């Protein structure tokens, strides 16, 4: 297994405590928060910011997939 594979598995095993918070937000709010955390991570990285950014990205992906019509 490659290092990227290990990271992917680890991401799935680690529970993200911020996921529930961001699932309730609208796409506009999520996009704004994503911008904030990307800039904040660039200035001073931390685990909390990274987890929050991952939760935001996952919530945005969920919105995108729910918008796309399912192929029959």
PDB file of N, CA and C in Angstrom:
ATOM      1  N   UNK A   1       0.846  -1.180   0.000  1.00  0.00           N
ATOM      2  CA  UNK A   1       0.000   0.000   0.000  1.00  0.00           C
ATOM      3  C   UNK A   1       0.891   1.243   0.000  1.00  0.00           C
ATOM      4  N   UNK A   2       0.547   2.188  -0.839  1.00  0.00           N
ATOM      5  CA  UNK A   2       1.339   3.414  -0.934  1.00  0.00           C
ATOM      6  C   UNK A   2       1.012   4.342   0.233  1.00  0.00           C
ATOM      7  N   UNK A   3       1.817   5.373   0.371  1.00  0.00           N
ATOM      8  CA  UNK A   3       1.592   6.319   1.468  1.00  0.00           C
ATOM      9  C   UNK A   3       0.265   7.063   1.300  1.00  0.00           C
ATOM     10  N   UNK A   4      -0.119   7.345   0.061  1.00  0.00           N
ATOM     11  CA  UNK A   4      -1.417   8.008  -0.159  1.00  0.00           C
ATOM     12  C   UNK A   4      -2.559   7.087   0.217  1.00  0.00           C
ATOM     13  N   UNK A   5      -2.409   5.801  -0.045  1.00  0.00           N
ATOM     14  CA  UNK A   5      -3.431   4.841   0.343  1.00  0.00           C
ATOM     15  C   UNK A   5      -3.591   4.772   1.850  1.00  0.00           C
ATOM     16  N   UNK A   6      -2.478   4.817   2.556  1.00  0.00           N
ATOM     17  CA  UNK A   6      -2.505   4.796   4.019  1.00  0.00           C
ATOM     18  C   UNK A   6      -3.215   6.041   4.546  1.00  0.00           C
ATOM     19  N   UNK A   7      -2.920   7.184   3.958  1.00  0.00           N
ATOM     20  CA  UNK A   7      -3.553   8.436   4.383  1.00  0.00           C
ATOM     21  C   UNK A   7      -5.058   8.381   4.140  1.00  0.00           C
ATOM     22  N   UNK A   8      -5.479   7.838   3.010  1.00  0.00           N
ATOM     23  CA  UNK A   8      -6.918   7.725   2.713  1.00  0.00           C
ATOM     24  C   UNK A   8      -7.623   6.831   3.725  1.00  0.00           C
ATOM     25  N   UNK A   9      -7.006   5.698   4.045  1.00  0.00           N
ATOM     26  CA  UNK A   9      -7.603   4.782   5.020  1.00  0.00           C
ATOM     27  C   UNK A   9      -7.677   5.457   6.383  1.00  0.00           C
ATOM     28  N   UNK A  10      -6.626   6.149   6.749  1.00  0.00           N
ATOM     29  CA  UNK A  10      -6.592   6.824   8.051  1.00  0.00           C
ATOM     30  C   UNK A  10      -7.673   7.900   8.144  1.00  0.00           C
ATOM     31  N   UNK A  11      -7.893   8.631   7.054  1.00  0.00           N
ATOM     32  CA  UNK A  11      -8.934   9.666   7.044  1.00  0.00           C
ATOM     33  C   UNK A  11     -10.301   9.065   7.302  1.00  0.00           C
ATOM     34  N   UNK A  12     -10.532   7.873   6.760  1.00  0.00           N
ATOM     35  CA  UNK A  12     -11.833   7.232   6.946  1.00  0.00           C
ATOM     36  C   UNK A  12     -11.995   6.692   8.363  1.00  0.00           C
ATOM     37  N   UNK A  13     -10.908   6.291   8.989  1.00  0.00           N
ATOM     38  CA  UNK A  13     -10.985   5.721  10.330  1.00  0.00           C
ATOM     39  C   UNK A  13     -11.104   6.790  11.408  1.00  0.00           C
ATOM     40  N   UNK A  14     -10.519   7.962  11.169  1.00  0.00           N
ATOM     41  CA  UNK A  14     -10.540   9.030  12.160  1.00  0.00           C
ATOM     42  C   UNK A  14     -11.875   9.762  12.067  1.00  0.00           C
ATOM     43  N   UNK A  15     -12.595   9.812  13.161  1.00  0.00           N
ATOM     44  CA  UNK A  15     -13.892  10.496  13.197  1.00  0.00           C
ATOM     45  C   UNK A  15     -13.652  11.998  13.238  1.00  0.00           C
ATOM     46  N   UNK A  16     -14.306  12.694  12.340  1.00  0.00           N
ATOM     47  CA  UNK A  16     -14.166  14.141  12.279  1.00  0.00           C
ATOM     48  C   UNK A  16     -15.273  14.775  13.124  1.00  0.00           C
ATOM     49  N   UNK A  17     -14.913  15.398  14.249  1.00  0.00           N
ATOM     50  CA  UNK A  17     -15.933  15.957  15.143  1.00  0.00           C
ATOM     51  C   UNK A  17     -16.662  17.169  14.567  1.00  0.00           C
ATOM     52  N   UNK A  18     -16.130  17.756  13.515  1.00  0.00           N
ATOM     53  CA  UNK A  18     -16.723  18.970  12.955  1.00  0.00           C
ATOM     54  C   UNK A  18     -17.704  18.690  11.825  1.00  0.00           C
ATOM     55  N   UNK A  19     -17.805  17.449  11.413  1.00  0.00           N
ATOM     56  CA  UNK A  19     -18.628  17.104  10.259  1.00  0.00           C
ATOM     57  C   UNK A  19     -20.098  17.471  10.464  1.00  0.00           C
ATOM     58  N   UNK A  20     -20.640  17.193  11.636  1.00  0.00           N
ATOM     59  CA  UNK A  20     -22.051  17.496  11.907  1.00  0.00           C
ATOM     60  C   UNK A  20     -22.333  18.995  11.841  1.00  0.00           C
ATOM     61  N   UNK A  21     -21.386  19.788  12.275  1.00  0.00           N
ATOM     62  CA  UNK A  21     -21.551  21.243  12.263  1.00  0.00           C
ATOM     63  C   UNK A  21     -21.718  21.767  10.850  1.00  0.00           C
ATOM     64  N   UNK A  22     -20.888  21.306   9.942  1.00  0.00           N
ATOM     65  CA  UNK A  22     -20.879  21.850   8.591  1.00  0.00           C
ATOM     66  C   UNK A  22     -21.926  21.223   7.676  1.00  0.00           C
ATOM     67  N   UNK A  23     -22.464  20.062   8.038  1.00  0.00           N
ATOM     68  CA  UNK A  23     -23.511  19.440   7.215  1.00  0.00           C
ATOM     69  C   UNK A  23     -24.783  20.278   7.204  1.00  0.00           C
ATOM     70  N   UNK A  24     -24.995  21.078   8.236  1.00  0.00           N
ATOM     71  CA  UNK A  24     -26.214  21.872   8.367  1.00  0.00           C
ATOM     72  C   UNK A  24     -26.143  23.197   7.611  1.00  0.00           C
ATOM     73  N   UNK A  25     -24.968  23.580   7.142  1.00  0.00           N
ATOM     74  CA  UNK A  25     -24.797  24.890   6.509  1.00  0.00           C
ATOM     75  C   UNK A  25     -25.147  24.872   5.027  1.00  0.00           C
ATOM     76  N   UNK A  26     -25.438  26.051   4.516  1.00  0.00           N
ATOM     77  CA  UNK A  26     -25.733  26.185   3.086  1.00  0.00           C
ATOM     78  C   UNK A  26     -24.425  26.176   2.293  1.00  0.00           C
ATOM     79  N   UNK A  27     -24.554  26.004   0.998  1.00  0.00           N
ATOM     80  CA  UNK A  27     -23.370  25.962   0.137  1.00  0.00           C
ATOM     81  C   UNK A  27     -22.604  27.284   0.178  1.00  0.00           C
ATOM     82  N   UNK A  28     -23.324  28.367   0.240  1.00  0.00           N
ATOM     83  CA  UNK A  28     -22.681  29.687   0.278  1.00  0.00           C
ATOM     84  C   UNK A  28     -21.834  29.856   1.547  1.00  0.00           C
ATOM     85  N   UNK A  29     -22.393  29.462   2.689  1.00  0.00           N
ATOM     86  CA  UNK A  29     -21.656  29.540   3.950  1.00  0.00           C
ATOM     87  C   UNK A  29     -20.430  28.632   3.920  1.00  0.00           C
ATOM     88  N   UNK A  30     -20.614  27.425   3.411  1.00  0.00           N
ATOM     89  CA  UNK A  30     -19.506  26.473   3.344  1.00  0.00           C
ATOM     90  C   UNK A  30     -18.366  26.999   2.480  1.00  0.00           C
ATOM     91  N   UNK A  31     -18.712  27.613   1.357  1.00  0.00           N
ATOM     92  CA  UNK A  31     -17.693  28.156   0.468  1.00  0.00           C
ATOM     93  C   UNK A  31     -16.923  29.275   1.162  1.00  0.00           C
ATOM     94  N   UNK A  32     -17.629  30.117   1.898  1.00  0.00           N
ATOM     95  CA  UNK A  32     -16.968  31.203   2.629  1.00  0.00           C
ATOM     96  C   UNK A  32     -16.032  30.648   3.703  1.00  0.00           C
ATOM     97  N   UNK A  33     -16.513  29.663   4.462  1.00  0.00           N
ATOM     98  CA  UNK A  33     -15.670  29.071   5.500  1.00  0.00           C
ATOM     99  C   UNK A  33     -14.468  28.338   4.902  1.00  0.00           C
ATOM    100  N   UNK A  34     -14.670  27.703   3.773  1.00  0.00           N
ATOM    101  CA  UNK A  34     -13.561  27.018   3.106  1.00  0.00           C
ATOM    102  C   UNK A  34     -12.464  28.017   2.763  1.00  0.00           C
ATOM    103  N   UNK A  35     -12.858  29.150   2.220  1.00  0.00           N
ATOM    104  CA  UNK A  35     -11.897  30.203   1.880  1.00  0.00           C
ATOM    105  C   UNK A  35     -11.149  30.659   3.130  1.00  0.00           C
ATOM    106  N   UNK A  36     -11.873  30.868   4.228  1.00  0.00           N
ATOM    107  CA  UNK A  36     -11.264  31.318   5.485  1.00  0.00           C
ATOM    108  C   UNK A  36     -10.239  30.303   5.985  1.00  0.00           C
ATOM    109  N   UNK A  37     -10.609  29.026   6.008  1.00  0.00           N
ATOM    110  CA  UNK A  37      -9.700  28.017   6.548  1.00  0.00           C
ATOM    111  C   UNK A  37      -8.515  27.741   5.626  1.00  0.00           C
ATOM    112  N   UNK A  38      -8.698  27.869   4.326  1.00  0.00           N
ATOM    113  CA  UNK A  38      -7.557  27.713   3.416  1.00  0.00           C
ATOM    114  C   UNK A  38      -6.520  28.793   3.679  1.00  0.00           C
ATOM    115  N   UNK A  39      -6.969  30.034   3.849  1.00  0.00           N
ATOM    116  CA  UNK A  39      -6.046  31.144   4.126  1.00  0.00           C
ATOM    117  C   UNK A  39      -5.401  30.979   5.496  1.00  0.00           C
ATOM    118  N   UNK A  40      -6.201  30.555   6.458  1.00  0.00           N
ATOM    119  CA  UNK A  40      -5.712  30.380   7.817  1.00  0.00           C
ATOM    120  C   UNK A  40      -4.665  29.266   7.894  1.00  0.00           C
ATOM    121  N   UNK A  41      -4.901  28.179   7.159  1.00  0.00           N
ATOM    122  CA  UNK A  41      -3.927  27.080   7.127  1.00  0.00           C
ATOM    123  C   UNK A  41      -2.612  27.524   6.508  1.00  0.00           C
ATOM    124  N   UNK A  42      -2.694  28.393   5.509  1.00  0.00           N
ATOM    125  CA  UNK A  42      -1.478  28.875   4.856  1.00  0.00           C
ATOM    126  C   UNK A  42      -0.626  29.691   5.829  1.00  0.00           C
ATOM    127  N   UNK A  43      -1.286  30.410   6.733  1.00  0.00           N
ATOM    128  CA  UNK A  43      -0.541  31.238   7.686  1.00  0.00           C
ATOM    129  C   UNK A  43       0.013  30.414   8.845  1.00  0.00           C
ATOM    130  N   UNK A  44      -0.829  29.555   9.425  1.00  0.00           N
ATOM    131  CA  UNK A  44      -0.371  28.738  10.553  1.00  0.00           C
ATOM    132  C   UNK A  44      -1.169  27.438  10.582  1.00  0.00           C
ATOM    133  N   UNK A  45      -0.580  26.352  10.080  1.00  0.00           N
ATOM    134  CA  UNK A  45      -1.293  25.071  10.036  1.00  0.00           C
ATOM    135  C   UNK A  45      -1.557  24.493  11.430  1.00  0.00           C
ATOM    136  N   UNK A  46      -2.689  23.830  11.558  1.00  0.00           N
ATOM    137  CA  UNK A  46      -2.989  23.088  12.784  1.00  0.00           C
ATOM    138  C   UNK A  46      -3.930  21.940  12.436  1.00  0.00           C
ATOM    139  N   UNK A  47      -3.982  20.963  13.295  1.00  0.00           N
ATOM    140  CA  UNK A  47      -4.833  19.789  13.061  1.00  0.00           C
ATOM    141  C   UNK A  47      -6.310  20.181  13.054  1.00  0.00           C
ATOM    142  N   UNK A  48      -6.696  21.068  13.952  1.00  0.00           N
ATOM    143  CA  UNK A  48      -8.098  21.494  14.023  1.00  0.00           C
ATOM    144  C   UNK A  48      -8.541  22.149  12.715  1.00  0.00           C
ATOM    145  N   UNK A  49      -7.722  23.031  12.183  1.00  0.00           N
ATOM    146  CA  UNK A  49      -8.061  23.708  10.926  1.00  0.00           C
ATOM    147  C   UNK A  49      -8.165  22.706   9.785  1.00  0.00           C
ATOM    148  N   UNK A  50      -7.262  21.748   9.771  1.00  0.00           N
ATOM    149  CA  UNK A  50      -7.283  20.735   8.722  1.00  0.00           C
ATOM    150  C   UNK A  50      -8.548  19.881   8.805  1.00  0.00           C
ATOM    151  N   UNK A  51      -8.924  19.483  10.009  1.00  0.00           N
ATOM    152  CA  UNK A  51     -10.147  18.695  10.182  1.00  0.00           C
ATOM    153  C   UNK A  51     -11.382  19.491   9.772  1.00  0.00           C
ATOM    154  N   UNK A  52     -11.391  20.764  10.123  1.00  0.00           N
ATOM    155  CA  UNK A  52     -12.526  21.615   9.738  1.00  0.00           C
ATOM    156  C   UNK A  52     -12.603  21.753   8.220  1.00  0.00           C
ATOM    157  N   UNK A  53     -11.459  21.961   7.580  1.00  0.00           N
ATOM    158  CA  UNK A  53     -11.434  22.109   6.124  1.00  0.00           C
ATOM    159  C   UNK A  53     -11.892  20.822   5.439  1.00  0.00           C
ATOM    160  N   UNK A  54     -11.463  19.678   5.946  1.00  0.00           N
ATOM    161  CA  UNK A  54     -11.909  18.391   5.386  1.00  0.00           C
ATOM    162  C   UNK A  54     -13.417  18.220   5.533  1.00  0.00           C
ATOM    163  N   UNK A  55     -13.950  18.605   6.686  1.00  0.00           N
ATOM    164  CA  UNK A  55     -15.397  18.493   6.910  1.00  0.00           C
ATOM    165  C   UNK A  55     -16.162  19.393   5.946  1.00  0.00           C
ATOM    166  N   UNK A  56     -15.653  20.584   5.721  1.00  0.00           N
ATOM    167  CA  UNK A  56     -16.290  21.515   4.788  1.00  0.00           C
ATOM    168  C   UNK A  56     -16.261  20.946   3.378  1.00  0.00           C
ATOM    169  N   UNK A  57     -15.108  20.425   2.969  1.00  0.00           N
ATOM    170  CA  UNK A  57     -14.993  19.859   1.622  1.00  0.00           C
ATOM    171  C   UNK A  57     -15.918  18.660   1.443  1.00  0.00           C
ATOM    172  N   UNK A  58     -16.036  17.836   2.467  1.00  0.00           N
ATOM    173  CA  UNK A  58     -16.925  16.680   2.385  1.00  0.00           C
ATOM    174  C   UNK A  58     -18.387  17.126   2.290  1.00  0.00           C
ATOM    175  N   UNK A  59     -18.752  18.141   3.047  1.00  0.00           N
ATOM    176  CA  UNK A  59     -20.123  18.661   2.980  1.00  0.00           C
ATOM    177  C   UNK A  59     -20.412  19.245   1.600  1.00  0.00           C
ATOM    178  N   UNK A  60     -19.439  19.943   1.021  1.00  0.00           N
ATOM    179  CA  UNK A  60     -19.619  20.495  -0.325  1.00  0.00           C
ATOM    180  C   UNK A  60     -19.756  19.384  -1.369  1.00  0.00           C
ATOM    181  N   UNK A  61     -18.966  18.310  -1.219  1.00  0.00           N
ATOM    182  CA  UNK A  61     -19.082  17.170  -2.140  1.00  0.00           C
ATOM    183  C   UNK A  61     -20.463  16.530  -2.033  1.00  0.00           C
ATOM    184  N   UNK A  62     -20.975  16.432  -0.822  1.00  0.00           N
ATOM    185  CA  UNK A  62     -22.304  15.861  -0.609  1.00  0.00           C
ATOM    186  C   UNK A  62     -23.362  16.700  -1.317  1.00  0.00           C
ATOM    187  N   UNK A  63     -23.235  18.006  -1.225  1.00  0.00           N
ATOM    188  CA  UNK A  63     -24.180  18.900  -1.904  1.00  0.00           C
ATOM    189  C   UNK A  63     -24.079  18.717  -3.412  1.00  0.00           C
ATOM    190  N   UNK A  64     -22.858  18.629  -3.926  1.00  0.00           N
ATOM    191  CA  UNK A  64     -22.657  18.456  -5.371  1.00  0.00           C
ATOM    192  C   UNK A  64     -23.265  17.144  -5.868  1.00  0.00           C
ATOM    193  N   UNK A  65     -23.054  16.065  -5.137  1.00  0.00           N
ATOM    194  CA  UNK A  65     -23.576  14.769  -5.579  1.00  0.00           C
ATOM    195  C   UNK A  65     -25.097  14.722  -5.487  1.00  0.00           C
ATOM    196  N   UNK A  66     -25.662  15.413  -4.519  1.00  0.00           N
ATOM    197  CA  UNK A  66     -27.123  15.418  -4.413  1.00  0.00           C
ATOM    198  C   UNK A  66     -27.755  16.246  -5.528  1.00  0.00           C
ATOM    199  N   UNK A  67     -27.012  17.178  -6.071  1.00  0.00           N
ATOM    200  CA  UNK A  67     -27.507  18.021  -7.152  1.00  0.00           C
ATOM    201  C   UNK A  67     -27.497  17.303  -8.495  1.00  0.00           C
ATOM    202  N   UNK A  68     -26.528  16.426  -8.692  1.00  0.00           N
ATOM    203  CA  UNK A  68     -26.394  15.728  -9.971  1.00  0.00           C
ATOM    204  C   UNK A  68     -27.466  14.650 -10.094  1.00  0.00           C
ATOM    205  N   UNK A  69     -28.141  14.589 -11.250  1.00  0.00           N
ATOM    206  CA  UNK A  69     -29.136  13.523 -11.435  1.00  0.00           C
ATOM    207  C   UNK A  69     -28.447  12.162 -11.552  1.00  0.00           C
ATOM    208  N   UNK A  70     -29.080  11.171 -11.008  1.00  0.00           N
ATOM    209  CA  UNK A  70     -28.491   9.826 -11.046  1.00  0.00           C
ATOM    210  C   UNK A  70     -28.725   9.187 -12.397  1.00  0.00           C
ATOM    211  N   UNK A  71     -27.687   8.548 -12.903  1.00  0.00           N
ATOM    212  CA  UNK A  71     -27.800   7.852 -14.194  1.00  0.00           C
ATOM    213  C   UNK A  71     -28.570   6.552 -13.991  1.00  0.00           C
ATOM    214  N   UNK A  72     -29.478   6.273 -14.878  1.00  0.00           N
ATOM    215  CA  UNK A  72     -30.303   5.063 -14.750  1.00  0.00           C
ATOM    216  C   UNK A  72     -29.637   3.873 -15.387  1.00  0.00           C
TER     217      UNK A  72
END
